[in-house]
């Protein structure tokens, strides 16, 4: 997958669209395979070669879905800020700002 850091927010939308498109392909192949299995169970059987071909397509689409999702979510996690919050540092910062405001009000 491309480096999305330099491409802006539209690149993330494009990557999400590619993941969705690949997932749709996977679902359509899976549904087709289910139809073929149902037809095998009826009197009109499909040749095994066609089933193996569709099964191969299904496997390839599934691998593409997994690879695209992995790359997409890895980029999302890499671009997310650190989720740990240092509350002590926040308190110190806010306390310092309040002290400056109080000092400014007392000076007037």
PDB file of N, CA and C in Angstrom:
ATOM      1  N   UNK A   1       0.835  -1.175   0.000  1.00  0.00           N
ATOM      2  CA  UNK A   1       0.000   0.000   0.000  1.00  0.00           C
ATOM      3  C   UNK A   1       0.881   1.240   0.000  1.00  0.00           C
ATOM      4  N   UNK A   2       0.360   2.336  -0.498  1.00  0.00           N
ATOM      5  CA  UNK A   2       1.126   3.575  -0.586  1.00  0.00           C
ATOM      6  C   UNK A   2       1.304   4.202   0.780  1.00  0.00           C
ATOM      7  N   UNK A   3       2.325   5.065   0.880  1.00  0.00           N
ATOM      8  CA  UNK A   3       2.518   5.836   2.101  1.00  0.00           C
ATOM      9  C   UNK A   3       1.485   6.951   2.112  1.00  0.00           C
ATOM     10  N   UNK A   4       0.573   6.916   3.070  1.00  0.00           N
ATOM     11  CA  UNK A   4      -0.528   7.876   3.094  1.00  0.00           C
ATOM     12  C   UNK A   4      -0.213   9.130   3.885  1.00  0.00           C
ATOM     13  N   UNK A   5       0.968   9.190   4.510  1.00  0.00           N
ATOM     14  CA  UNK A   5       1.296  10.344   5.337  1.00  0.00           C
ATOM     15  C   UNK A   5       1.315  11.635   4.531  1.00  0.00           C
ATOM     16  N   UNK A   6       1.809  11.567   3.288  1.00  0.00           N
ATOM     17  CA  UNK A   6       1.982  12.766   2.482  1.00  0.00           C
ATOM     18  C   UNK A   6       0.765  13.068   1.616  1.00  0.00           C
ATOM     19  N   UNK A   7      -0.256  12.220   1.652  1.00  0.00           N
ATOM     20  CA  UNK A   7      -1.345  12.348   0.699  1.00  0.00           C
ATOM     21  C   UNK A   7      -2.604  12.966   1.286  1.00  0.00           C
ATOM     22  N   UNK A   8      -2.639  13.227   2.552  1.00  0.00           N
ATOM     23  CA  UNK A   8      -3.777  13.902   3.157  1.00  0.00           C
ATOM     24  C   UNK A   8      -4.931  12.976   3.486  1.00  0.00           C
ATOM     25  N   UNK A   9      -6.026  13.570   3.989  1.00  0.00           N
ATOM     26  CA  UNK A   9      -7.168  12.768   4.439  1.00  0.00           C
ATOM     27  C   UNK A   9      -7.868  12.019   3.311  1.00  0.00           C
ATOM     28  N   UNK A  10      -7.799  12.537   2.090  1.00  0.00           N
ATOM     29  CA  UNK A  10      -8.460  11.856   0.972  1.00  0.00           C
ATOM     30  C   UNK A  10      -7.854  10.476   0.738  1.00  0.00           C
ATOM     31  N   UNK A  11      -6.566  10.330   1.030  1.00  0.00           N
ATOM     32  CA  UNK A  11      -5.914   9.037   0.835  1.00  0.00           C
ATOM     33  C   UNK A  11      -6.487   7.992   1.783  1.00  0.00           C
ATOM     34  N   UNK A  12      -6.841   8.406   3.002  1.00  0.00           N
ATOM     35  CA  UNK A  12      -7.449   7.461   3.942  1.00  0.00           C
ATOM     36  C   UNK A  12      -8.822   7.025   3.445  1.00  0.00           C
ATOM     37  N   UNK A  13      -9.572   7.958   2.861  1.00  0.00           N
ATOM     38  CA  UNK A  13     -10.879   7.609   2.304  1.00  0.00           C
ATOM     39  C   UNK A  13     -10.722   6.638   1.140  1.00  0.00           C
ATOM     40  N   UNK A  14      -9.698   6.881   0.299  1.00  0.00           N
ATOM     41  CA  UNK A  14      -9.441   5.975  -0.817  1.00  0.00           C
ATOM     42  C   UNK A  14      -9.070   4.585  -0.318  1.00  0.00           C
ATOM     43  N   UNK A  15      -8.247   4.526   0.719  1.00  0.00           N
ATOM     44  CA  UNK A  15      -7.847   3.230   1.270  1.00  0.00           C
ATOM     45  C   UNK A  15      -9.050   2.506   1.852  1.00  0.00           C
ATOM     46  N   UNK A  16      -9.912   3.234   2.540  1.00  0.00           N
ATOM     47  CA  UNK A  16     -11.122   2.618   3.098  1.00  0.00           C
ATOM     48  C   UNK A  16     -12.031   2.123   1.979  1.00  0.00           C
ATOM     49  N   UNK A  17     -12.107   2.874   0.893  1.00  0.00           N
ATOM     50  CA  UNK A  17     -12.933   2.456  -0.242  1.00  0.00           C
ATOM     51  C   UNK A  17     -12.379   1.188  -0.877  1.00  0.00           C
ATOM     52  N   UNK A  18     -11.047   1.083  -0.965  1.00  0.00           N
ATOM     53  CA  UNK A  18     -10.441  -0.133  -1.523  1.00  0.00           C
ATOM     54  C   UNK A  18     -10.730  -1.335  -0.641  1.00  0.00           C
ATOM     55  N   UNK A  19     -10.664  -1.151   0.666  1.00  0.00           N
ATOM     56  CA  UNK A  19     -10.978  -2.252   1.586  1.00  0.00           C
ATOM     57  C   UNK A  19     -12.432  -2.672   1.404  1.00  0.00           C
ATOM     58  N   UNK A  20     -13.333  -1.702   1.293  1.00  0.00           N
ATOM     59  CA  UNK A  20     -14.758  -2.016   1.118  1.00  0.00           C
ATOM     60  C   UNK A  20     -15.007  -2.720  -0.212  1.00  0.00           C
ATOM     61  N   UNK A  21     -14.337  -2.265  -1.268  1.00  0.00           N
ATOM     62  CA  UNK A  21     -14.506  -2.881  -2.582  1.00  0.00           C
ATOM     63  C   UNK A  21     -14.012  -4.325  -2.581  1.00  0.00           C
ATOM     64  N   UNK A  22     -12.874  -4.553  -1.956  1.00  0.00           N
ATOM     65  CA  UNK A  22     -12.335  -5.908  -1.876  1.00  0.00           C
ATOM     66  C   UNK A  22     -13.247  -6.799  -1.050  1.00  0.00           C
ATOM     67  N   UNK A  23     -13.808  -6.257   0.010  1.00  0.00           N
ATOM     68  CA  UNK A  23     -14.737  -7.035   0.836  1.00  0.00           C
ATOM     69  C   UNK A  23     -15.995  -7.387   0.046  1.00  0.00           C
ATOM     70  N   UNK A  24     -16.494  -6.458  -0.777  1.00  0.00           N
ATOM     71  CA  UNK A  24     -17.660  -6.744  -1.618  1.00  0.00           C
ATOM     72  C   UNK A  24     -17.347  -7.856  -2.608  1.00  0.00           C
ATOM     73  N   UNK A  25     -16.156  -7.808  -3.200  1.00  0.00           N
ATOM     74  CA  UNK A  25     -15.741  -8.856  -4.128  1.00  0.00           C
ATOM     75  C   UNK A  25     -15.721 -10.206  -3.422  1.00  0.00           C
ATOM     76  N   UNK A  26     -15.169 -10.223  -2.239  1.00  0.00           N
ATOM     77  CA  UNK A  26     -15.110 -11.456  -1.456  1.00  0.00           C
ATOM     78  C   UNK A  26     -16.516 -11.991  -1.194  1.00  0.00           C
ATOM     79  N   UNK A  27     -17.434 -11.119  -0.799  1.00  0.00           N
ATOM     80  CA  UNK A  27     -18.803 -11.548  -0.514  1.00  0.00           C
ATOM     81  C   UNK A  27     -19.503 -12.069  -1.763  1.00  0.00           C
ATOM     82  N   UNK A  28     -19.297 -11.417  -2.902  1.00  0.00           N
ATOM     83  CA  UNK A  28     -19.954 -11.874  -4.129  1.00  0.00           C
ATOM     84  C   UNK A  28     -19.425 -13.238  -4.554  1.00  0.00           C
ATOM     85  N   UNK A  29     -18.130 -13.455  -4.429  1.00  0.00           N
ATOM     86  CA  UNK A  29     -17.571 -14.762  -4.779  1.00  0.00           C
ATOM     87  C   UNK A  29     -18.068 -15.822  -3.810  1.00  0.00           C
ATOM     88  N   UNK A  30     -18.152 -15.480  -2.537  1.00  0.00           N
ATOM     89  CA  UNK A  30     -18.642 -16.425  -1.540  1.00  0.00           C
ATOM     90  C   UNK A  30     -20.095 -16.803  -1.820  1.00  0.00           C
ATOM     91  N   UNK A  31     -20.919 -15.817  -2.182  1.00  0.00           N
ATOM     92  CA  UNK A  31     -22.320 -16.099  -2.509  1.00  0.00           C
ATOM     93  C   UNK A  31     -22.433 -16.964  -3.756  1.00  0.00           C
ATOM     94  N   UNK A  32     -21.605 -16.686  -4.752  1.00  0.00           N
ATOM     95  CA  UNK A  32     -21.605 -17.505  -5.963  1.00  0.00           C
ATOM     96  C   UNK A  32     -21.211 -18.940  -5.637  1.00  0.00           C
ATOM     97  N   UNK A  33     -20.243 -19.096  -4.783  1.00  0.00           N
ATOM     98  CA  UNK A  33     -19.824 -20.438  -4.387  1.00  0.00           C
ATOM     99  C   UNK A  33     -20.955 -21.169  -3.663  1.00  0.00           C
ATOM    100  N   UNK A  34     -21.685 -20.461  -2.825  1.00  0.00           N
ATOM    101  CA  UNK A  34     -22.841 -21.070  -2.146  1.00  0.00           C
ATOM    102  C   UNK A  34     -23.895 -21.521  -3.155  1.00  0.00           C
ATOM    103  N   UNK A  35     -24.132 -20.691  -4.176  1.00  0.00           N
ATOM    104  CA  UNK A  35     -25.090 -21.071  -5.214  1.00  0.00           C
ATOM    105  C   UNK A  35     -24.625 -22.326  -5.940  1.00  0.00           C
ATOM    106  N   UNK A  36     -23.338 -22.387  -6.226  1.00  0.00           N
ATOM    107  CA  UNK A  36     -22.803 -23.553  -6.929  1.00  0.00           C
ATOM    108  C   UNK A  36     -22.936 -24.808  -6.074  1.00  0.00           C
ATOM    109  N   UNK A  37     -22.704 -24.689  -4.785  1.00  0.00           N
ATOM    110  CA  UNK A  37     -22.858 -25.839  -3.889  1.00  0.00           C
ATOM    111  C   UNK A  37     -24.318 -26.281  -3.865  1.00  0.00           C
ATOM    112  N   UNK A  38     -25.229 -25.318  -3.849  1.00  0.00           N
ATOM    113  CA  UNK A  38     -26.658 -25.661  -3.868  1.00  0.00           C
ATOM    114  C   UNK A  38     -27.029 -26.372  -5.160  1.00  0.00           C
ATOM    115  N   UNK A  39     -26.440 -25.952  -6.282  1.00  0.00           N
ATOM    116  CA  UNK A  39     -26.720 -26.597  -7.562  1.00  0.00           C
ATOM    117  C   UNK A  39     -26.140 -28.003  -7.616  1.00  0.00           C
ATOM    118  N   UNK A  40     -25.031 -28.231  -6.949  1.00  0.00           N
ATOM    119  CA  UNK A  40     -24.446 -29.574  -6.907  1.00  0.00           C
ATOM    120  C   UNK A  40     -25.416 -30.531  -6.226  1.00  0.00           C
ATOM    121  N   UNK A  41     -26.083 -30.025  -5.210  1.00  0.00           N
ATOM    122  CA  UNK A  41     -27.010 -30.866  -4.460  1.00  0.00           C
ATOM    123  C   UNK A  41     -28.274 -31.171  -5.255  1.00  0.00           C
ATOM    124  N   UNK A  42     -28.538 -30.413  -6.319  1.00  0.00           N
ATOM    125  CA  UNK A  42     -29.696 -30.692  -7.170  1.00  0.00           C
ATOM    126  C   UNK A  42     -29.262 -31.589  -8.320  1.00  0.00           C
ATOM    127  N   UNK A  43     -30.156 -31.836  -9.249  1.00  0.00           N
ATOM    128  CA  UNK A  43     -29.874 -32.762 -10.353  1.00  0.00           C
ATOM    129  C   UNK A  43     -28.869 -32.194 -11.347  1.00  0.00           C
ATOM    130  N   UNK A  44     -28.858 -30.886 -11.558  1.00  0.00           N
ATOM    131  CA  UNK A  44     -27.946 -30.292 -12.541  1.00  0.00           C
ATOM    132  C   UNK A  44     -26.646 -29.907 -11.849  1.00  0.00           C
ATOM    133  N   UNK A  45     -25.650 -30.738 -11.980  1.00  0.00           N
ATOM    134  CA  UNK A  45     -24.369 -30.506 -11.308  1.00  0.00           C
ATOM    135  C   UNK A  45     -23.442 -29.670 -12.184  1.00  0.00           C
ATOM    136  N   UNK A  46     -22.638 -28.849 -11.542  1.00  0.00           N
ATOM    137  CA  UNK A  46     -21.618 -28.044 -12.214  1.00  0.00           C
ATOM    138  C   UNK A  46     -20.333 -28.868 -12.237  1.00  0.00           C
ATOM    139  N   UNK A  47     -19.569 -28.781 -13.318  1.00  0.00           N
ATOM    140  CA  UNK A  47     -18.305 -29.537 -13.354  1.00  0.00           C
ATOM    141  C   UNK A  47     -17.374 -29.113 -12.213  1.00  0.00           C
ATOM    142  N   UNK A  48     -16.669 -30.055 -11.609  1.00  0.00           N
ATOM    143  CA  UNK A  48     -15.772 -29.730 -10.485  1.00  0.00           C
ATOM    144  C   UNK A  48     -14.706 -28.692 -10.838  1.00  0.00           C
ATOM    145  N   UNK A  49     -14.294 -28.643 -12.116  1.00  0.00           N
ATOM    146  CA  UNK A  49     -13.272 -27.677 -12.520  1.00  0.00           C
ATOM    147  C   UNK A  49     -13.762 -26.246 -12.284  1.00  0.00           C
ATOM    148  N   UNK A  50     -15.013 -25.974 -12.592  1.00  0.00           N
ATOM    149  CA  UNK A  50     -15.568 -24.629 -12.385  1.00  0.00           C
ATOM    150  C   UNK A  50     -15.629 -24.300 -10.897  1.00  0.00           C
ATOM    151  N   UNK A  51     -15.967 -25.290 -10.091  1.00  0.00           N
ATOM    152  CA  UNK A  51     -16.030 -25.070  -8.644  1.00  0.00           C
ATOM    153  C   UNK A  51     -14.645 -24.770  -8.093  1.00  0.00           C
ATOM    154  N   UNK A  52     -13.651 -25.531  -8.535  1.00  0.00           N
ATOM    155  CA  UNK A  52     -12.281 -25.292  -8.067  1.00  0.00           C
ATOM    156  C   UNK A  52     -11.783 -23.917  -8.497  1.00  0.00           C
ATOM    157  N   UNK A  53     -12.167 -23.500  -9.694  1.00  0.00           N
ATOM    158  CA  UNK A  53     -11.774 -22.171 -10.165  1.00  0.00           C
ATOM    159  C   UNK A  53     -12.382 -21.080  -9.284  1.00  0.00           C
ATOM    160  N   UNK A  54     -13.666 -21.210  -8.972  1.00  0.00           N
ATOM    161  CA  UNK A  54     -14.325 -20.223  -8.118  1.00  0.00           C
ATOM    162  C   UNK A  54     -13.783 -20.274  -6.692  1.00  0.00           C
ATOM    163  N   UNK A  55     -13.451 -21.462  -6.228  1.00  0.00           N
ATOM    164  CA  UNK A  55     -12.863 -21.596  -4.899  1.00  0.00           C
ATOM    165  C   UNK A  55     -11.507 -20.892  -4.842  1.00  0.00           C
ATOM    166  N   UNK A  56     -10.746 -21.017  -5.916  1.00  0.00           N
ATOM    167  CA  UNK A  56      -9.460 -20.322  -5.996  1.00  0.00           C
ATOM    168  C   UNK A  56      -9.667 -18.805  -5.996  1.00  0.00           C
ATOM    169  N   UNK A  57     -10.680 -18.340  -6.743  1.00  0.00           N
ATOM    170  CA  UNK A  57     -11.005 -16.908  -6.744  1.00  0.00           C
ATOM    171  C   UNK A  57     -11.397 -16.437  -5.352  1.00  0.00           C
ATOM    172  N   UNK A  58     -12.176 -17.251  -4.661  1.00  0.00           N
ATOM    173  CA  UNK A  58     -12.604 -16.913  -3.307  1.00  0.00           C
ATOM    174  C   UNK A  58     -11.410 -16.797  -2.370  1.00  0.00           C
ATOM    175  N   UNK A  59     -10.497 -17.737  -2.470  1.00  0.00           N
ATOM    176  CA  UNK A  59      -9.314 -17.706  -1.608  1.00  0.00           C
ATOM    177  C   UNK A  59      -8.460 -16.473  -1.908  1.00  0.00           C
ATOM    178  N   UNK A  60      -8.273 -16.155  -3.178  1.00  0.00           N
ATOM    179  CA  UNK A  60      -7.476 -14.982  -3.550  1.00  0.00           C
ATOM    180  C   UNK A  60      -8.133 -13.695  -3.047  1.00  0.00           C
ATOM    181  N   UNK A  61      -9.461 -13.607  -3.191  1.00  0.00           N
ATOM    182  CA  UNK A  61     -10.162 -12.413  -2.712  1.00  0.00           C
ATOM    183  C   UNK A  61     -10.070 -12.307  -1.198  1.00  0.00           C
ATOM    184  N   UNK A  62     -10.175 -13.428  -0.519  1.00  0.00           N
ATOM    185  CA  UNK A  62     -10.081 -13.419   0.944  1.00  0.00           C
ATOM    186  C   UNK A  62      -8.704 -12.937   1.391  1.00  0.00           C
ATOM    187  N   UNK A  63      -7.661 -13.404   0.738  1.00  0.00           N
ATOM    188  CA  UNK A  63      -6.308 -12.961   1.085  1.00  0.00           C
ATOM    189  C   UNK A  63      -6.129 -11.473   0.805  1.00  0.00           C
ATOM    190  N   UNK A  64      -6.739 -10.984  -0.288  1.00  0.00           N
ATOM    191  CA  UNK A  64      -6.664  -9.552  -0.584  1.00  0.00           C
ATOM    192  C   UNK A  64      -7.376  -8.735   0.490  1.00  0.00           C
ATOM    193  N   UNK A  65      -8.517  -9.232   0.940  1.00  0.00           N
ATOM    194  CA  UNK A  65      -9.255  -8.534   1.997  1.00  0.00           C
ATOM    195  C   UNK A  65      -8.402  -8.446   3.252  1.00  0.00           C
ATOM    196  N   UNK A  66      -7.816  -9.559   3.640  1.00  0.00           N
ATOM    197  CA  UNK A  66      -7.000  -9.570   4.856  1.00  0.00           C
ATOM    198  C   UNK A  66      -5.802  -8.637   4.737  1.00  0.00           C
ATOM    199  N   UNK A  67      -5.114  -8.669   3.593  1.00  0.00           N
ATOM    200  CA  UNK A  67      -3.944  -7.810   3.408  1.00  0.00           C
ATOM    201  C   UNK A  67      -4.342  -6.335   3.390  1.00  0.00           C
ATOM    202  N   UNK A  68      -5.436  -6.014   2.697  1.00  0.00           N
ATOM    203  CA  UNK A  68      -5.880  -4.619   2.625  1.00  0.00           C
ATOM    204  C   UNK A  68      -6.317  -4.116   3.997  1.00  0.00           C
ATOM    205  N   UNK A  69      -7.040  -4.941   4.745  1.00  0.00           N
ATOM    206  CA  UNK A  69      -7.465  -4.529   6.084  1.00  0.00           C
ATOM    207  C   UNK A  69      -6.275  -4.341   7.010  1.00  0.00           C
ATOM    208  N   UNK A  70      -5.324  -5.268   6.943  1.00  0.00           N
ATOM    209  CA  UNK A  70      -4.130  -5.145   7.796  1.00  0.00           C
ATOM    210  C   UNK A  70      -3.391  -3.852   7.511  1.00  0.00           C
ATOM    211  N   UNK A  71      -3.164  -3.568   6.225  1.00  0.00           N
ATOM    212  CA  UNK A  71      -2.437  -2.353   5.856  1.00  0.00           C
ATOM    213  C   UNK A  71      -3.217  -1.107   6.266  1.00  0.00           C
ATOM    214  N   UNK A  72      -4.514  -1.124   6.052  1.00  0.00           N
ATOM    215  CA  UNK A  72      -5.339   0.035   6.385  1.00  0.00           C
ATOM    216  C   UNK A  72      -5.329   0.296   7.885  1.00  0.00           C
ATOM    217  N   UNK A  73      -5.556  -0.742   8.679  1.00  0.00           N
ATOM    218  CA  UNK A  73      -5.604  -0.552  10.124  1.00  0.00           C
ATOM    219  C   UNK A  73      -4.227  -0.253  10.709  1.00  0.00           C
ATOM    220  N   UNK A  74      -3.174  -0.775  10.104  1.00  0.00           N
ATOM    221  CA  UNK A  74      -1.825  -0.443  10.564  1.00  0.00           C
ATOM    222  C   UNK A  74      -1.556   1.044  10.358  1.00  0.00           C
ATOM    223  N   UNK A  75      -1.982   1.569   9.209  1.00  0.00           N
ATOM    224  CA  UNK A  75      -1.809   3.003   8.957  1.00  0.00           C
ATOM    225  C   UNK A  75      -2.652   3.833   9.908  1.00  0.00           C
ATOM    226  N   UNK A  76      -3.865   3.390  10.172  1.00  0.00           N
ATOM    227  CA  UNK A  76      -4.720   4.122  11.101  1.00  0.00           C
ATOM    228  C   UNK A  76      -4.091   4.175  12.489  1.00  0.00           C
ATOM    229  N   UNK A  77      -3.562   3.044  12.944  1.00  0.00           N
ATOM    230  CA  UNK A  77      -2.954   3.003  14.270  1.00  0.00           C
ATOM    231  C   UNK A  77      -1.661   3.799  14.314  1.00  0.00           C
ATOM    232  N   UNK A  78      -0.907   3.804  13.218  1.00  0.00           N
ATOM    233  CA  UNK A  78       0.351   4.545  13.188  1.00  0.00           C
ATOM    234  C   UNK A  78       0.105   6.050  13.239  1.00  0.00           C
ATOM    235  N   UNK A  79      -1.019   6.488  12.691  1.00  0.00           N
ATOM    236  CA  UNK A  79      -1.305   7.920  12.639  1.00  0.00           C
ATOM    237  C   UNK A  79      -2.101   8.417  13.835  1.00  0.00           C
ATOM    238  N   UNK A  80      -2.543   7.514  14.696  1.00  0.00           N
ATOM    239  CA  UNK A  80      -3.278   7.937  15.887  1.00  0.00           C
ATOM    240  C   UNK A  80      -2.296   8.421  16.947  1.00  0.00           C
ATOM    241  N   UNK A  81      -2.654   9.479  17.660  1.00  0.00           N
ATOM    242  CA  UNK A  81      -1.764   9.942  18.727  1.00  0.00           C
ATOM    243  C   UNK A  81      -1.742   8.940  19.878  1.00  0.00           C
ATOM    244  N   UNK A  82      -0.740   9.089  20.718  1.00  0.00           N
ATOM    245  CA  UNK A  82      -0.626   8.209  21.878  1.00  0.00           C
ATOM    246  C   UNK A  82      -1.861   8.391  22.750  1.00  0.00           C
ATOM    247  N   UNK A  83      -2.486   7.296  23.136  1.00  0.00           N
ATOM    248  CA  UNK A  83      -3.756   7.380  23.857  1.00  0.00           C
ATOM    249  C   UNK A  83      -3.583   7.509  25.361  1.00  0.00           C
ATOM    250  N   UNK A  84      -2.359   7.391  25.858  1.00  0.00           N
ATOM    251  CA  UNK A  84      -2.173   7.535  27.301  1.00  0.00           C
ATOM    252  C   UNK A  84      -2.153   9.020  27.644  1.00  0.00           C
ATOM    253  N   UNK A  85      -2.894   9.387  28.666  1.00  0.00           N
ATOM    254  CA  UNK A  85      -3.007  10.783  29.085  1.00  0.00           C
ATOM    255  C   UNK A  85      -2.278  10.943  30.407  1.00  0.00           C
ATOM    256  N   UNK A  86      -1.395  11.928  30.460  1.00  0.00           N
ATOM    257  CA  UNK A  86      -0.660  12.217  31.689  1.00  0.00           C
ATOM    258  C   UNK A  86      -1.460  13.265  32.464  1.00  0.00           C
ATOM    259  N   UNK A  87      -2.290  12.782  33.380  1.00  0.00           N
ATOM    260  CA  UNK A  87      -3.169  13.682  34.131  1.00  0.00           C
ATOM    261  C   UNK A  87      -2.386  14.614  35.049  1.00  0.00           C
ATOM    262  N   UNK A  88      -1.282  14.147  35.597  1.00  0.00           N
ATOM    263  CA  UNK A  88      -0.476  15.010  36.463  1.00  0.00           C
ATOM    264  C   UNK A  88       0.080  16.197  35.684  1.00  0.00           C
ATOM    265  N   UNK A  89       0.560  15.942  34.482  1.00  0.00           N
ATOM    266  CA  UNK A  89       1.082  17.029  33.656  1.00  0.00           C
ATOM    267  C   UNK A  89      -0.036  18.004  33.288  1.00  0.00           C
ATOM    268  N   UNK A  90      -1.225  17.470  32.993  1.00  0.00           N
ATOM    269  CA  UNK A  90      -2.359  18.350  32.689  1.00  0.00           C
ATOM    270  C   UNK A  90      -2.724  19.216  33.884  1.00  0.00           C
ATOM    271  N   UNK A  91      -2.758  18.608  35.069  1.00  0.00           N
ATOM    272  CA  UNK A  91      -3.073  19.378  36.282  1.00  0.00           C
ATOM    273  C   UNK A  91      -2.044  20.477  36.509  1.00  0.00           C
ATOM    274  N   UNK A  92      -0.769  20.140  36.340  1.00  0.00           N
ATOM    275  CA  UNK A  92       0.289  21.137  36.515  1.00  0.00           C
ATOM    276  C   UNK A  92       0.136  22.276  35.512  1.00  0.00           C
ATOM    277  N   UNK A  93      -0.156  21.928  34.267  1.00  0.00           N
ATOM    278  CA  UNK A  93      -0.308  22.939  33.226  1.00  0.00           C
ATOM    279  C   UNK A  93      -1.509  23.840  33.510  1.00  0.00           C
ATOM    280  N   UNK A  94      -2.638  23.237  33.836  1.00  0.00           N
ATOM    281  CA  UNK A  94      -3.843  24.023  34.141  1.00  0.00           C
ATOM    282  C   UNK A  94      -3.628  24.866  35.396  1.00  0.00           C
ATOM    283  N   UNK A  95      -2.996  24.273  36.410  1.00  0.00           N
ATOM    284  CA  UNK A  95      -2.713  25.021  37.636  1.00  0.00           C
ATOM    285  C   UNK A  95      -1.828  26.221  37.367  1.00  0.00           C
ATOM    286  N   UNK A  96      -0.816  26.046  36.526  1.00  0.00           N
ATOM    287  CA  UNK A  96       0.060  27.162  36.172  1.00  0.00           C
ATOM    288  C   UNK A  96      -0.690  28.260  35.440  1.00  0.00           C
ATOM    289  N   UNK A  97      -1.574  27.868  34.532  1.00  0.00           N
ATOM    290  CA  UNK A  97      -2.366  28.859  33.805  1.00  0.00           C
ATOM    291  C   UNK A  97      -3.306  29.606  34.753  1.00  0.00           C
ATOM    292  N   UNK A  98      -3.915  28.881  35.683  1.00  0.00           N
ATOM    293  CA  UNK A  98      -4.799  29.541  36.655  1.00  0.00           C
ATOM    294  C   UNK A  98      -4.015  30.489  37.555  1.00  0.00           C
ATOM    295  N   UNK A  99      -2.810  30.099  37.958  1.00  0.00           N
ATOM    296  CA  UNK A  99      -1.971  30.977  38.781  1.00  0.00           C
ATOM    297  C   UNK A  99      -1.647  32.267  38.037  1.00  0.00           C
ATOM    298  N   UNK A 100      -1.345  32.164  36.738  1.00  0.00           N
ATOM    299  CA  UNK A 100      -1.043  33.364  35.952  1.00  0.00           C
ATOM    300  C   UNK A 100      -2.277  34.256  35.821  1.00  0.00           C
ATOM    301  N   UNK A 101      -3.443  33.641  35.649  1.00  0.00           N
ATOM    302  CA  UNK A 101      -4.683  34.429  35.555  1.00  0.00           C
ATOM    303  C   UNK A 101      -4.957  35.133  36.876  1.00  0.00           C
ATOM    304  N   UNK A 102      -4.792  34.413  37.979  1.00  0.00           N
ATOM    305  CA  UNK A 102      -5.013  35.022  39.304  1.00  0.00           C
ATOM    306  C   UNK A 102      -4.036  36.166  39.545  1.00  0.00           C
ATOM    307  N   UNK A 103      -2.780  35.953  39.167  1.00  0.00           N
ATOM    308  CA  UNK A 103      -1.773  36.995  39.355  1.00  0.00           C
ATOM    309  C   UNK A 103      -2.111  38.219  38.508  1.00  0.00           C
ATOM    310  N   UNK A 104      -2.606  37.990  37.299  1.00  0.00           N
ATOM    311  CA  UNK A 104      -2.972  39.112  36.433  1.00  0.00           C
ATOM    312  C   UNK A 104      -4.178  39.858  37.001  1.00  0.00           C
ATOM    313  N   UNK A 105      -5.135  39.135  37.565  1.00  0.00           N
ATOM    314  CA  UNK A 105      -6.309  39.782  38.156  1.00  0.00           C
ATOM    315  C   UNK A 105      -5.940  40.540  39.426  1.00  0.00           C
ATOM    316  N   UNK A 106      -5.023  39.985  40.225  1.00  0.00           N
ATOM    317  CA  UNK A 106      -4.589  40.658  41.449  1.00  0.00           C
ATOM    318  C   UNK A 106      -3.782  41.911  41.134  1.00  0.00           C
ATOM    319  N   UNK A 107      -3.088  41.931  40.031  1.00  0.00           N
ATOM    320  CA  UNK A 107      -2.273  43.081  39.654  1.00  0.00           C
ATOM    321  C   UNK A 107      -3.150  44.268  39.265  1.00  0.00           C
ATOM    322  N   UNK A 108      -4.350  44.020  38.823  1.00  0.00           N
ATOM    323  CA  UNK A 108      -5.251  45.118  38.413  1.00  0.00           C
ATOM    324  C   UNK A 108      -5.814  45.757  39.592  1.00  0.00           C
TER     325      UNK A 108
END
